Amino acid sequence: METFEIKEDIILLNQLLKALNWCESGAQANNVIDDGLVKVNGKVELRKRNKLVKGTIVEFDGNKVKLV
């Protein structure tokens, strides 16, 4: 599992997918979230602007990252 350091207290889920280059655009990030393809802490997450904090684990398309 890789790690990703967030600079602020939170990062939005759709912004994280773009920052990790898991999605090419914000629209693509929103679409994969809408389609139920992203998991946060093991559960499917449908909120595009879900506020993620350090310690959160995000999974998408065979990738897994922990926020630090």
Protein backbone atom coordinates (compact mmCIF):
# COMPACT_ATOMS: atom_id res chain seq x y z
CA MET A 1 0.00 0.00 0.00
CA GLU A 2 1.34 3.42 -0.90
CA THR A 3 0.98 6.54 1.21
CA PHE A 4 0.00 10.09 0.25
CA GLU A 5 0.81 13.10 2.40
CA ILE A 6 -1.92 15.69 2.62
CA LYS A 7 -0.82 19.26 3.27
CA GLU A 8 -4.04 20.49 4.89
CA ASP A 9 -6.28 18.89 7.52
CA ILE A 10 -8.53 17.41 4.81
CA ILE A 11 -8.61 16.60 1.10
CA LEU A 12 -11.74 16.01 -0.96
CA LEU A 13 -12.15 12.55 -2.47
CA ASN A 14 -12.39 13.75 -6.08
CA GLN A 15 -9.32 15.98 -5.61
CA LEU A 16 -7.37 13.03 -4.20
CA LEU A 17 -8.11 10.85 -7.22
CA LYS A 18 -6.75 13.59 -9.47
CA ALA A 19 -3.72 14.28 -7.25
CA LEU A 20 -2.77 10.59 -7.35
CA ASN A 21 -3.18 10.57 -11.17
CA TRP A 22 -5.73 7.78 -10.77
CA CYS A 23 -8.11 9.94 -12.84
CA GLU A 24 -7.22 12.32 -15.65
CA SER A 25 -9.82 14.95 -14.80
CA GLY A 26 -12.25 16.05 -12.13
CA ALA A 27 -15.13 14.90 -14.34
CA GLN A 28 -13.62 11.41 -14.61
CA ALA A 29 -13.06 11.33 -10.83
CA ASN A 30 -16.70 12.29 -10.24
CA ASN A 31 -17.88 9.61 -12.69
CA VAL A 32 -15.94 6.75 -11.07
CA ILE A 33 -17.22 7.84 -7.65
CA ASP A 34 -20.81 7.98 -8.99
CA ASP A 35 -20.34 4.50 -10.46
CA GLY A 36 -19.44 3.09 -7.02
CA LEU A 37 -15.88 2.17 -8.01
CA VAL A 38 -14.12 3.91 -5.10
CA LYS A 39 -13.88 2.59 -1.55
CA VAL A 40 -13.04 4.62 1.53
CA ASN A 41 -12.01 2.58 4.58
CA GLY A 42 -13.38 -0.56 2.91
CA LYS A 43 -16.85 0.81 2.01
CA VAL A 44 -18.11 2.11 -1.33
CA GLU A 45 -18.17 5.92 -1.21
CA LEU A 46 -20.58 7.89 -3.40
CA ARG A 47 -19.88 11.40 -2.03
CA LYS A 48 -17.58 13.17 -4.48
CA ARG A 49 -16.64 15.88 -2.00
CA ASN A 50 -16.20 13.54 0.98
CA LYS A 51 -13.68 15.17 3.31
CA LEU A 52 -10.84 12.74 3.93
CA VAL A 53 -8.42 13.01 6.86
CA LYS A 54 -5.08 11.44 7.74
CA GLY A 55 -5.35 7.71 8.38
CA THR A 56 -8.04 7.20 5.72
CA ILE A 57 -7.52 4.35 3.23
CA VAL A 58 -8.81 4.82 -0.32
CA GLU A 59 -9.07 2.06 -2.94
CA PHE A 60 -9.72 2.34 -6.68
CA ASP A 61 -8.91 0.20 -9.71
CA GLY A 62 -6.57 -2.14 -7.84
CA ASN A 63 -4.73 0.75 -6.15
CA LYS A 64 -4.74 1.41 -2.42
CA VAL A 65 -3.42 4.47 -0.58
CA LYS A 66 -3.28 5.60 3.04
CA LEU A 67 -3.38 9.31 3.80
CA VAL A 68 -0.63 10.54 6.09
